[in-house]
Amino acid sequence: MPTGAKSLEVSIFGRSYKVACEDGEREALLQAVAYLDGKMNDVRKAGKVSGTERIAVMVALNLAHELLATKLGAGFDLGQAKRRIAAIESKLDAAIASQETLF
């Protein structure tokens, strides 16, 4: 177990697991567990896939697809995002400056 990690018992899809969890990461881990458990229950409720292993694989595929779509989608350009933020900051500064002259 990594330094500062503690063992935390979680339940996913009705099964208990002991997971190593770094100090300060407990809430994030519990949110991930709740999200995964919810996704697995959604797949089971849809009724098209049966068996815990198959449901887990389907959820893993869906999550991988979502991650890749987020990372690759719309050709995210960090430089362009920074330029847009700077332009917005300039507009805000100008708006605030004009408001200050009113008071």
PDB file of N, CA and C in Angstrom:
ATOM      1  N   MET A   1       0.836  -1.179   0.000  1.00  0.00           N
ATOM      2  CA  MET A   1       0.000   0.000   0.000  1.00  0.00           C
ATOM      3  C   MET A   1       0.884   1.246   0.000  1.00  0.00           C
ATOM      4  N   PRO A   2       0.545   2.286  -0.806  1.00  0.00           N
ATOM      5  CA  PRO A   2       1.334   3.504  -0.847  1.00  0.00           C
ATOM      6  C   PRO A   2       1.367   4.195   0.512  1.00  0.00           C
ATOM      7  N   THR A   3       2.383   5.028   0.715  1.00  0.00           N
ATOM      8  CA  THR A   3       2.517   5.761   1.968  1.00  0.00           C
ATOM      9  C   THR A   3       1.303   6.655   2.172  1.00  0.00           C
ATOM     10  N   GLY A   4       0.789   6.687   3.390  1.00  0.00           N
ATOM     11  CA  GLY A   4      -0.374   7.515   3.695  1.00  0.00           C
ATOM     12  C   GLY A   4      -1.685   6.885   3.288  1.00  0.00           C
ATOM     13  N   ALA A   5      -1.632   5.712   2.675  1.00  0.00           N
ATOM     14  CA  ALA A   5      -2.852   5.048   2.231  1.00  0.00           C
ATOM     15  C   ALA A   5      -3.431   4.216   3.361  1.00  0.00           C
ATOM     16  N   LYS A   6      -4.738   4.186   3.393  1.00  0.00           N
ATOM     17  CA  LYS A   6      -5.441   3.365   4.370  1.00  0.00           C
ATOM     18  C   LYS A   6      -6.396   2.457   3.604  1.00  0.00           C
ATOM     19  N   SER A   7      -6.744   1.371   4.229  1.00  0.00           N
ATOM     20  CA  SER A   7      -7.684   0.445   3.622  1.00  0.00           C
ATOM     21  C   SER A   7      -9.098   0.915   3.912  1.00  0.00           C
ATOM     22  N   LEU A   8      -9.908   0.973   2.878  1.00  0.00           N
ATOM     23  CA  LEU A   8     -11.292   1.400   3.001  1.00  0.00           C
ATOM     24  C   LEU A   8     -12.181   0.323   2.391  1.00  0.00           C
ATOM     25  N   GLU A   9     -13.204  -0.090   3.095  1.00  0.00           N
ATOM     26  CA  GLU A   9     -14.119  -1.094   2.562  1.00  0.00           C
ATOM     27  C   GLU A   9     -15.279  -0.385   1.880  1.00  0.00           C
ATOM     28  N   VAL A  10     -15.518  -0.774   0.633  1.00  0.00           N
ATOM     29  CA  VAL A  10     -16.604  -0.188  -0.151  1.00  0.00           C
ATOM     30  C   VAL A  10     -17.481  -1.301  -0.702  1.00  0.00           C
ATOM     31  N   SER A  11     -18.684  -0.926  -1.100  1.00  0.00           N
ATOM     32  CA  SER A  11     -19.610  -1.893  -1.685  1.00  0.00           C
ATOM     33  C   SER A  11     -19.989  -1.435  -3.084  1.00  0.00           C
ATOM     34  N   ILE A  12     -19.767  -2.316  -4.054  1.00  0.00           N
ATOM     35  CA  ILE A  12     -20.129  -2.042  -5.437  1.00  0.00           C
ATOM     36  C   ILE A  12     -20.971  -3.199  -5.935  1.00  0.00           C
ATOM     37  N   PHE A  13     -22.175  -2.893  -6.351  1.00  0.00           N
ATOM     38  CA  PHE A  13     -23.077  -3.891  -6.924  1.00  0.00           C
ATOM     39  C   PHE A  13     -23.317  -5.048  -5.961  1.00  0.00           C
ATOM     40  N   GLY A  14     -23.410  -4.688  -4.665  1.00  0.00           N
ATOM     41  CA  GLY A  14     -23.707  -5.673  -3.646  1.00  0.00           C
ATOM     42  C   GLY A  14     -22.534  -6.491  -3.160  1.00  0.00           C
ATOM     43  N   ARG A  15     -21.337  -6.171  -3.621  1.00  0.00           N
ATOM     44  CA  ARG A  15     -20.146  -6.903  -3.193  1.00  0.00           C
ATOM     45  C   ARG A  15     -19.191  -5.948  -2.483  1.00  0.00           C
ATOM     46  N   SER A  16     -18.549  -6.457  -1.430  1.00  0.00           N
ATOM     47  CA  SER A  16     -17.614  -5.632  -0.655  1.00  0.00           C
ATOM     48  C   SER A  16     -16.205  -5.782  -1.199  1.00  0.00           C
ATOM     49  N   TYR A  17     -15.490  -4.660  -1.213  1.00  0.00           N
ATOM     50  CA  TYR A  17     -14.098  -4.627  -1.665  1.00  0.00           C
ATOM     51  C   TYR A  17     -13.296  -3.768  -0.704  1.00  0.00           C
ATOM     52  N   LYS A  18     -12.058  -4.199  -0.413  1.00  0.00           N
ATOM     53  CA  LYS A  18     -11.136  -3.364   0.354  1.00  0.00           C
ATOM     54  C   LYS A  18     -10.241  -2.668  -0.649  1.00  0.00           C
ATOM     55  N   VAL A  19     -10.186  -1.341  -0.528  1.00  0.00           N
ATOM     56  CA  VAL A  19      -9.453  -0.529  -1.483  1.00  0.00           C
ATOM     57  C   VAL A  19      -8.470   0.359  -0.738  1.00  0.00           C
ATOM     58  N   ALA A  20      -7.253   0.465  -1.255  1.00  0.00           N
ATOM     59  CA  ALA A  20      -6.277   1.384  -0.676  1.00  0.00           C
ATOM     60  C   ALA A  20      -6.670   2.802  -1.060  1.00  0.00           C
ATOM     61  N   CYS A  21      -6.633   3.689  -0.081  1.00  0.00           N
ATOM     62  CA  CYS A  21      -7.075   5.057  -0.310  1.00  0.00           C
ATOM     63  C   CYS A  21      -6.107   6.016   0.375  1.00  0.00           C
ATOM     64  N   GLU A  22      -5.536   6.930  -0.399  1.00  0.00           N
ATOM     65  CA  GLU A  22      -4.625   7.937   0.147  1.00  0.00           C
ATOM     66  C   GLU A  22      -5.396   8.883   1.061  1.00  0.00           C
ATOM     67  N   ASP A  23      -4.684   9.424   2.051  1.00  0.00           N
ATOM     68  CA  ASP A  23      -5.283  10.439   2.911  1.00  0.00           C
ATOM     69  C   ASP A  23      -5.778  11.591   2.043  1.00  0.00           C
ATOM     70  N   GLY A  24      -6.935  12.090   2.327  1.00  0.00           N
ATOM     71  CA  GLY A  24      -7.488  13.207   1.575  1.00  0.00           C
ATOM     72  C   GLY A  24      -8.218  12.805   0.305  1.00  0.00           C
ATOM     73  N   GLU A  25      -8.220  11.547  -0.057  1.00  0.00           N
ATOM     74  CA  GLU A  25      -8.885  11.082  -1.272  1.00  0.00           C
ATOM     75  C   GLU A  25     -10.155  10.287  -0.978  1.00  0.00           C
ATOM     76  N   ARG A  26     -10.518  10.176   0.278  1.00  0.00           N
ATOM     77  CA  ARG A  26     -11.648   9.333   0.685  1.00  0.00           C
ATOM     78  C   ARG A  26     -12.948   9.761  -0.002  1.00  0.00           C
ATOM     79  N   GLU A  27     -13.258  11.047   0.042  1.00  0.00           N
ATOM     80  CA  GLU A  27     -14.510  11.521  -0.547  1.00  0.00           C
ATOM     81  C   GLU A  27     -14.555  11.286  -2.047  1.00  0.00           C
ATOM     82  N   ALA A  28     -13.444  11.526  -2.726  1.00  0.00           N
ATOM     83  CA  ALA A  28     -13.387  11.300  -4.167  1.00  0.00           C
ATOM     84  C   ALA A  28     -13.588   9.821  -4.487  1.00  0.00           C
ATOM     85  N   LEU A  29     -12.979   8.947  -3.685  1.00  0.00           N
ATOM     86  CA  LEU A  29     -13.150   7.512  -3.889  1.00  0.00           C
ATOM     87  C   LEU A  29     -14.603   7.104  -3.667  1.00  0.00           C
ATOM     88  N   LEU A  30     -15.212   7.613  -2.612  1.00  0.00           N
ATOM     89  CA  LEU A  30     -16.607   7.269  -2.330  1.00  0.00           C
ATOM     90  C   LEU A  30     -17.541   7.774  -3.437  1.00  0.00           C
ATOM     91  N   GLN A  31     -17.233   8.932  -4.009  1.00  0.00           N
ATOM     92  CA  GLN A  31     -18.031   9.430  -5.131  1.00  0.00           C
ATOM     93  C   GLN A  31     -17.873   8.523  -6.347  1.00  0.00           C
ATOM     94  N   ALA A  32     -16.643   8.072  -6.599  1.00  0.00           N
ATOM     95  CA  ALA A  32     -16.396   7.157  -7.718  1.00  0.00           C
ATOM     96  C   ALA A  32     -17.129   5.837  -7.511  1.00  0.00           C
ATOM     97  N   VAL A  33     -17.108   5.335  -6.281  1.00  0.00           N
ATOM     98  CA  VAL A  33     -17.812   4.089  -5.953  1.00  0.00           C
ATOM     99  C   VAL A  33     -19.305   4.258  -6.200  1.00  0.00           C
ATOM    100  N   ALA A  34     -19.880   5.359  -5.733  1.00  0.00           N
ATOM    101  CA  ALA A  34     -21.316   5.601  -5.912  1.00  0.00           C
ATOM    102  C   ALA A  34     -21.663   5.722  -7.401  1.00  0.00           C
ATOM    103  N   TYR A  35     -20.803   6.391  -8.159  1.00  0.00           N
ATOM    104  CA  TYR A  35     -21.032   6.556  -9.593  1.00  0.00           C
ATOM    105  C   TYR A  35     -20.998   5.213 -10.313  1.00  0.00           C
ATOM    106  N   LEU A  36     -19.971   4.421 -10.019  1.00  0.00           N
ATOM    107  CA  LEU A  36     -19.836   3.101 -10.632  1.00  0.00           C
ATOM    108  C   LEU A  36     -20.998   2.198 -10.252  1.00  0.00           C
ATOM    109  N   ASP A  37     -21.352   2.191  -8.981  1.00  0.00           N
ATOM    110  CA  ASP A  37     -22.463   1.363  -8.518  1.00  0.00           C
ATOM    111  C   ASP A  37     -23.758   1.762  -9.223  1.00  0.00           C
ATOM    112  N   GLY A  38     -23.974   3.060  -9.360  1.00  0.00           N
ATOM    113  CA  GLY A  38     -25.174   3.544 -10.052  1.00  0.00           C
ATOM    114  C   GLY A  38     -25.196   3.115 -11.510  1.00  0.00           C
ATOM    115  N   LYS A  39     -24.063   3.235 -12.193  1.00  0.00           N
ATOM    116  CA  LYS A  39     -23.984   2.833 -13.602  1.00  0.00           C
ATOM    117  C   LYS A  39     -24.249   1.337 -13.762  1.00  0.00           C
ATOM    118  N   MET A  40     -23.698   0.535 -12.853  1.00  0.00           N
ATOM    119  CA  MET A  40     -23.917  -0.914 -12.933  1.00  0.00           C
ATOM    120  C   MET A  40     -25.383  -1.248 -12.692  1.00  0.00           C
ATOM    121  N   ASN A  41     -26.005  -0.577 -11.740  1.00  0.00           N
ATOM    122  CA  ASN A  41     -27.430  -0.810 -11.485  1.00  0.00           C
ATOM    123  C   ASN A  41     -28.288  -0.366 -12.665  1.00  0.00           C
ATOM    124  N   ASP A  42     -27.899   0.729 -13.330  1.00  0.00           N
ATOM    125  CA  ASP A  42     -28.634   1.183 -14.519  1.00  0.00           C
ATOM    126  C   ASP A  42     -28.597   0.131 -15.618  1.00  0.00           C
ATOM    127  N   VAL A  43     -27.417  -0.465 -15.839  1.00  0.00           N
ATOM    128  CA  VAL A  43     -27.287  -1.499 -16.872  1.00  0.00           C
ATOM    129  C   VAL A  43     -28.139  -2.712 -16.508  1.00  0.00           C
ATOM    130  N   ARG A  44     -28.111  -3.092 -15.236  1.00  0.00           N
ATOM    131  CA  ARG A  44     -28.922  -4.242 -14.807  1.00  0.00           C
ATOM    132  C   ARG A  44     -30.413  -3.954 -14.996  1.00  0.00           C
ATOM    133  N   LYS A  45     -30.856  -2.751 -14.637  1.00  0.00           N
ATOM    134  CA  LYS A  45     -32.273  -2.389 -14.764  1.00  0.00           C
ATOM    135  C   LYS A  45     -32.720  -2.355 -16.213  1.00  0.00           C
ATOM    136  N   ALA A  46     -31.810  -1.999 -17.118  1.00  0.00           N
ATOM    137  CA  ALA A  46     -32.153  -1.968 -18.540  1.00  0.00           C
ATOM    138  C   ALA A  46     -32.480  -3.375 -19.045  1.00  0.00           C
ATOM    139  N   GLY A  47     -31.933  -4.390 -18.363  1.00  0.00           N
ATOM    140  CA  GLY A  47     -32.294  -5.778 -18.643  1.00  0.00           C
ATOM    141  C   GLY A  47     -31.694  -6.401 -19.878  1.00  0.00           C
ATOM    142  N   LYS A  48     -30.805  -5.705 -20.576  1.00  0.00           N
ATOM    143  CA  LYS A  48     -30.247  -6.259 -21.804  1.00  0.00           C
ATOM    144  C   LYS A  48     -28.979  -7.073 -21.551  1.00  0.00           C
ATOM    145  N   VAL A  49     -28.371  -6.904 -20.373  1.00  0.00           N
ATOM    146  CA  VAL A  49     -27.142  -7.616 -20.034  1.00  0.00           C
ATOM    147  C   VAL A  49     -27.350  -8.270 -18.677  1.00  0.00           C
ATOM    148  N   SER A  50     -26.919  -9.522 -18.548  1.00  0.00           N
ATOM    149  CA  SER A  50     -27.034 -10.191 -17.259  1.00  0.00           C
ATOM    150  C   SER A  50     -25.675 -10.722 -16.849  1.00  0.00           C
ATOM    151  N   GLY A  51     -25.521 -10.928 -15.565  1.00  0.00           N
ATOM    152  CA  GLY A  51     -24.252 -11.424 -15.028  1.00  0.00           C
ATOM    153  C   GLY A  51     -23.371 -10.265 -14.618  1.00  0.00           C
ATOM    154  N   THR A  52     -22.857 -10.352 -13.411  1.00  0.00           N
ATOM    155  CA  THR A  52     -22.049  -9.267 -12.844  1.00  0.00           C
ATOM    156  C   THR A  52     -20.851  -8.929 -13.721  1.00  0.00           C
ATOM    157  N   GLU A  53     -20.145  -9.942 -14.190  1.00  0.00           N
ATOM    158  CA  GLU A  53     -18.952  -9.692 -15.005  1.00  0.00           C
ATOM    159  C   GLU A  53     -19.306  -8.983 -16.302  1.00  0.00           C
ATOM    160  N   ARG A  54     -20.358  -9.414 -16.965  1.00  0.00           N
ATOM    161  CA  ARG A  54     -20.765  -8.773 -18.221  1.00  0.00           C
ATOM    162  C   ARG A  54     -21.215  -7.333 -17.981  1.00  0.00           C
ATOM    163  N   ILE A  55     -21.946  -7.116 -16.902  1.00  0.00           N
ATOM    164  CA  ILE A  55     -22.388  -5.758 -16.573  1.00  0.00           C
ATOM    165  C   ILE A  55     -21.178  -4.874 -16.311  1.00  0.00           C
ATOM    166  N   ALA A  56     -20.199  -5.379 -15.560  1.00  0.00           N
ATOM    167  CA  ALA A  56     -18.984  -4.605 -15.267  1.00  0.00           C
ATOM    168  C   ALA A  56     -18.233  -4.247 -16.545  1.00  0.00           C
ATOM    169  N   VAL A  57     -18.144  -5.194 -17.468  1.00  0.00           N
ATOM    170  CA  VAL A  57     -17.448  -4.936 -18.729  1.00  0.00           C
ATOM    171  C   VAL A  57     -18.198  -3.881 -19.542  1.00  0.00           C
ATOM    172  N   MET A  58     -19.520  -3.973 -19.608  1.00  0.00           N
ATOM    173  CA  MET A  58     -20.306  -2.986 -20.351  1.00  0.00           C
ATOM    174  C   MET A  58     -20.146  -1.594 -19.750  1.00  0.00           C
ATOM    175  N   VAL A  59     -20.166  -1.505 -18.427  1.00  0.00           N
ATOM    176  CA  VAL A  59     -19.975  -0.215 -17.770  1.00  0.00           C
ATOM    177  C   VAL A  59     -18.570   0.308 -18.042  1.00  0.00           C
ATOM    178  N   ALA A  60     -17.577  -0.560 -17.974  1.00  0.00           N
ATOM    179  CA  ALA A  60     -16.195  -0.147 -18.253  1.00  0.00           C
ATOM    180  C   ALA A  60     -16.070   0.389 -19.679  1.00  0.00           C
ATOM    181  N   LEU A  61     -16.692  -0.291 -20.638  1.00  0.00           N
ATOM    182  CA  LEU A  61     -16.657   0.178 -22.027  1.00  0.00           C
ATOM    183  C   LEU A  61     -17.333   1.539 -22.164  1.00  0.00           C
ATOM    184  N   ASN A  62     -18.482   1.701 -21.520  1.00  0.00           N
ATOM    185  CA  ASN A  62     -19.191   2.984 -21.583  1.00  0.00           C
ATOM    186  C   ASN A  62     -18.364   4.107 -20.961  1.00  0.00           C
ATOM    187  N   LEU A  63     -17.739   3.841 -19.821  1.00  0.00           N
ATOM    188  CA  LEU A  63     -16.921   4.855 -19.164  1.00  0.00           C
ATOM    189  C   LEU A  63     -15.679   5.189 -19.995  1.00  0.00           C
ATOM    190  N   ALA A  64     -15.057   4.177 -20.597  1.00  0.00           N
ATOM    191  CA  ALA A  64     -13.895   4.416 -21.458  1.00  0.00           C
ATOM    192  C   ALA A  64     -14.298   5.270 -22.660  1.00  0.00           C
ATOM    193  N   HIS A  65     -15.461   4.977 -23.223  1.00  0.00           N
ATOM    194  CA  HIS A  65     -15.959   5.758 -24.353  1.00  0.00           C
ATOM    195  C   HIS A  65     -16.192   7.211 -23.945  1.00  0.00           C
ATOM    196  N   GLU A  66     -16.822   7.420 -22.794  1.00  0.00           N
ATOM    197  CA  GLU A  66     -17.064   8.781 -22.304  1.00  0.00           C
ATOM    198  C   GLU A  66     -15.753   9.525 -22.092  1.00  0.00           C
ATOM    199  N   LEU A  67     -14.769   8.853 -21.504  1.00  0.00           N
ATOM    200  CA  LEU A  67     -13.470   9.472 -21.254  1.00  0.00           C
ATOM    201  C   LEU A  67     -12.793   9.865 -22.556  1.00  0.00           C
ATOM    202  N   LEU A  68     -12.754   8.953 -23.509  1.00  0.00           N
ATOM    203  CA  LEU A  68     -12.103   9.245 -24.778  1.00  0.00           C
ATOM    204  C   LEU A  68     -12.841  10.349 -25.539  1.00  0.00           C
ATOM    205  N   ALA A  69     -14.157  10.343 -25.481  1.00  0.00           N
ATOM    206  CA  ALA A  69     -14.925  11.394 -26.151  1.00  0.00           C
ATOM    207  C   ALA A  69     -14.619  12.748 -25.528  1.00  0.00           C
ATOM    208  N   THR A  70     -14.446  12.777 -24.220  1.00  0.00           N
ATOM    209  CA  THR A  70     -14.126  14.021 -23.528  1.00  0.00           C
ATOM    210  C   THR A  70     -12.723  14.490 -23.880  1.00  0.00           C
ATOM    211  N   LYS A  71     -11.768  13.559 -23.902  1.00  0.00           N
ATOM    212  CA  LYS A  71     -10.382  13.923 -24.185  1.00  0.00           C
ATOM    213  C   LYS A  71     -10.183  14.316 -25.643  1.00  0.00           C
ATOM    214  N   LEU A  72     -10.841  13.623 -26.543  1.00  0.00           N
ATOM    215  CA  LEU A  72     -10.603  13.836 -27.961  1.00  0.00           C
ATOM    216  C   LEU A  72     -11.653  14.732 -28.609  1.00  0.00           C
ATOM    217  N   GLY A  73     -12.790  14.874 -27.936  1.00  0.00           N
ATOM    218  CA  GLY A  73     -13.898  15.608 -28.529  1.00  0.00           C
ATOM    219  C   GLY A  73     -13.593  17.071 -28.775  1.00  0.00           C
ATOM    220  N   ALA A  74     -14.064  17.555 -29.886  1.00  0.00           N
ATOM    221  CA  ALA A  74     -14.013  18.970 -30.249  1.00  0.00           C
ATOM    222  C   ALA A  74     -12.594  19.507 -30.365  1.00  0.00           C
ATOM    223  N   GLY A  75     -11.593  18.651 -30.444  1.00  0.00           N
ATOM    224  CA  GLY A  75     -10.224  19.100 -30.631  1.00  0.00           C
ATOM    225  C   GLY A  75      -9.827  20.203 -29.665  1.00  0.00           C
ATOM    226  N   PHE A  76      -9.968  19.963 -28.388  1.00  0.00           N
ATOM    227  CA  PHE A  76      -9.691  20.969 -27.360  1.00  0.00           C
ATOM    228  C   PHE A  76      -8.306  21.563 -27.535  1.00  0.00           C
ATOM    229  N   ASP A  77      -8.241  22.880 -27.592  1.00  0.00           N
ATOM    230  CA  ASP A  77      -6.990  23.613 -27.763  1.00  0.00           C
ATOM    231  C   ASP A  77      -6.770  24.487 -26.539  1.00  0.00           C
ATOM    232  N   LEU A  78      -5.784  24.133 -25.712  1.00  0.00           N
ATOM    233  CA  LEU A  78      -5.521  24.856 -24.472  1.00  0.00           C
ATOM    234  C   LEU A  78      -5.133  26.304 -24.740  1.00  0.00           C
ATOM    235  N   GLY A  79      -4.336  26.537 -25.764  1.00  0.00           N
ATOM    236  CA  GLY A  79      -3.919  27.897 -26.104  1.00  0.00           C
ATOM    237  C   GLY A  79      -5.113  28.770 -26.446  1.00  0.00           C
ATOM    238  N   GLN A  80      -6.025  28.220 -27.239  1.00  0.00           N
ATOM    239  CA  GLN A  80      -7.228  28.972 -27.613  1.00  0.00           C
ATOM    240  C   GLN A  80      -8.091  29.248 -26.382  1.00  0.00           C
ATOM    241  N   ALA A  81      -8.204  28.280 -25.491  1.00  0.00           N
ATOM    242  CA  ALA A  81      -8.991  28.475 -24.270  1.00  0.00           C
ATOM    243  C   ALA A  81      -8.388  29.587 -23.424  1.00  0.00           C
ATOM    244  N   LYS A  82      -7.060  29.614 -23.304  1.00  0.00           N
ATOM    245  CA  LYS A  82      -6.397  30.671 -22.531  1.00  0.00           C
ATOM    246  C   LYS A  82      -6.628  32.033 -23.169  1.00  0.00           C
ATOM    247  N   ARG A  83      -6.573  32.116 -24.505  1.00  0.00           N
ATOM    248  CA  ARG A  83      -6.825  33.392 -25.187  1.00  0.00           C
ATOM    249  C   ARG A  83      -8.251  33.872 -24.958  1.00  0.00           C
ATOM    250  N   ARG A  84      -9.205  32.940 -24.988  1.00  0.00           N
ATOM    251  CA  ARG A  84     -10.606  33.315 -24.748  1.00  0.00           C
ATOM    252  C   ARG A  84     -10.807  33.792 -23.319  1.00  0.00           C
ATOM    253  N   ILE A  85     -10.152  33.142 -22.365  1.00  0.00           N
ATOM    254  CA  ILE A  85     -10.248  33.562 -20.964  1.00  0.00           C
ATOM    255  C   ILE A  85      -9.655  34.955 -20.802  1.00  0.00           C
ATOM    256  N   ALA A  86      -8.525  35.208 -21.440  1.00  0.00           N
ATOM    257  CA  ALA A  86      -7.892  36.532 -21.355  1.00  0.00           C
ATOM    258  C   ALA A  86      -8.802  37.601 -21.951  1.00  0.00           C
ATOM    259  N   ALA A  87      -9.461  37.292 -23.066  1.00  0.00           N
ATOM    260  CA  ALA A  87     -10.372  38.257 -23.687  1.00  0.00           C
ATOM    261  C   ALA A  87     -11.562  38.543 -22.770  1.00  0.00           C
ATOM    262  N   ILE A  88     -12.073  37.518 -22.136  1.00  0.00           N
ATOM    263  CA  ILE A  88     -13.193  37.694 -21.198  1.00  0.00           C
ATOM    264  C   ILE A  88     -12.747  38.529 -20.009  1.00  0.00           C
ATOM    265  N   GLU A  89     -11.542  38.263 -19.502  1.00  0.00           N
ATOM    266  CA  GLU A  89     -11.018  39.051 -18.381  1.00  0.00           C
ATOM    267  C   GLU A  89     -10.902  40.523 -18.759  1.00  0.00           C
ATOM    268  N   SER A  90     -10.437  40.800 -19.979  1.00  0.00           N
ATOM    269  CA  SER A  90     -10.320  42.188 -20.435  1.00  0.00           C
ATOM    270  C   SER A  90     -11.682  42.862 -20.477  1.00  0.00           C
ATOM    271  N   LYS A  91     -12.676  42.168 -20.983  1.00  0.00           N
ATOM    272  CA  LYS A  91     -14.034  42.728 -21.045  1.00  0.00           C
ATOM    273  C   LYS A  91     -14.576  42.980 -19.647  1.00  0.00           C
ATOM    274  N   LEU A  92     -14.321  42.045 -18.736  1.00  0.00           N
ATOM    275  CA  LEU A  92     -14.774  42.234 -17.356  1.00  0.00           C
ATOM    276  C   LEU A  92     -14.083  43.426 -16.709  1.00  0.00           C
ATOM    277  N   ASP A  93     -12.772  43.546 -16.922  1.00  0.00           N
ATOM    278  CA  ASP A  93     -12.036  44.680 -16.368  1.00  0.00           C
ATOM    279  C   ASP A  93     -12.591  45.996 -16.895  1.00  0.00           C
ATOM    280  N   ALA A  94     -12.877  46.046 -18.191  1.00  0.00           N
ATOM    281  CA  ALA A  94     -13.427  47.265 -18.783  1.00  0.00           C
ATOM    282  C   ALA A  94     -14.812  47.567 -18.219  1.00  0.00           C
ATOM    283  N   ALA A  95     -15.626  46.542 -18.054  1.00  0.00           N
ATOM    284  CA  ALA A  95     -16.969  46.745 -17.508  1.00  0.00           C
ATOM    285  C   ALA A  95     -16.902  47.223 -16.065  1.00  0.00           C
ATOM    286  N   ILE A  96     -15.997  46.653 -15.292  1.00  0.00           N
ATOM    287  CA  ILE A  96     -15.851  47.054 -13.880  1.00  0.00           C
ATOM    288  C   ILE A  96     -15.335  48.484 -13.810  1.00  0.00           C
ATOM    289  N   ALA A  97     -14.376  48.844 -14.658  1.00  0.00           N
ATOM    290  CA  ALA A  97     -13.827  50.204 -14.663  1.00  0.00           C
ATOM    291  C   ALA A  97     -14.918  51.219 -14.982  1.00  0.00           C
ATOM    292  N   SER A  98     -15.772  50.907 -15.954  1.00  0.00           N
ATOM    293  CA  SER A  98     -16.842  51.853 -16.304  1.00  0.00           C
ATOM    294  C   SER A  98     -17.876  51.959 -15.171  1.00  0.00           C
ATOM    295  N   GLN A  99     -18.096  50.901 -14.437  1.00  0.00           N
ATOM    296  CA  GLN A  99     -19.021  50.932 -13.310  1.00  0.00           C
ATOM    297  C   GLN A  99     -18.480  51.753 -12.146  1.00  0.00           C
ATOM    298  N   GLU A 100     -17.142  51.690 -11.950  1.00  0.00           N
ATOM    299  CA  GLU A 100     -16.525  52.431 -10.863  1.00  0.00           C
ATOM    300  C   GLU A 100     -16.681  53.937 -11.044  1.00  0.00           C
ATOM    301  N   THR A 101     -16.711  54.399 -12.297  1.00  0.00           N
ATOM    302  CA  THR A 101     -16.856  55.837 -12.546  1.00  0.00           C
ATOM    303  C   THR A 101     -18.279  56.314 -12.221  1.00  0.00           C
ATOM    304  N   LEU A 102     -19.232  55.413 -12.169  1.00  0.00           N
ATOM    305  CA  LEU A 102     -20.609  55.783 -11.836  1.00  0.00           C
ATOM    306  C   LEU A 102     -20.774  56.097 -10.353  1.00  0.00           C
ATOM    307  N   PHE A 103     -19.930  55.540  -9.540  1.00  0.00           N
ATOM    308  CA  PHE A 103     -20.062  55.730  -8.086  1.00  0.00           C
ATOM    309  C   PHE A 103     -19.002  56.660  -7.635  1.00  0.00           C
TER     310      PHE A 103
END
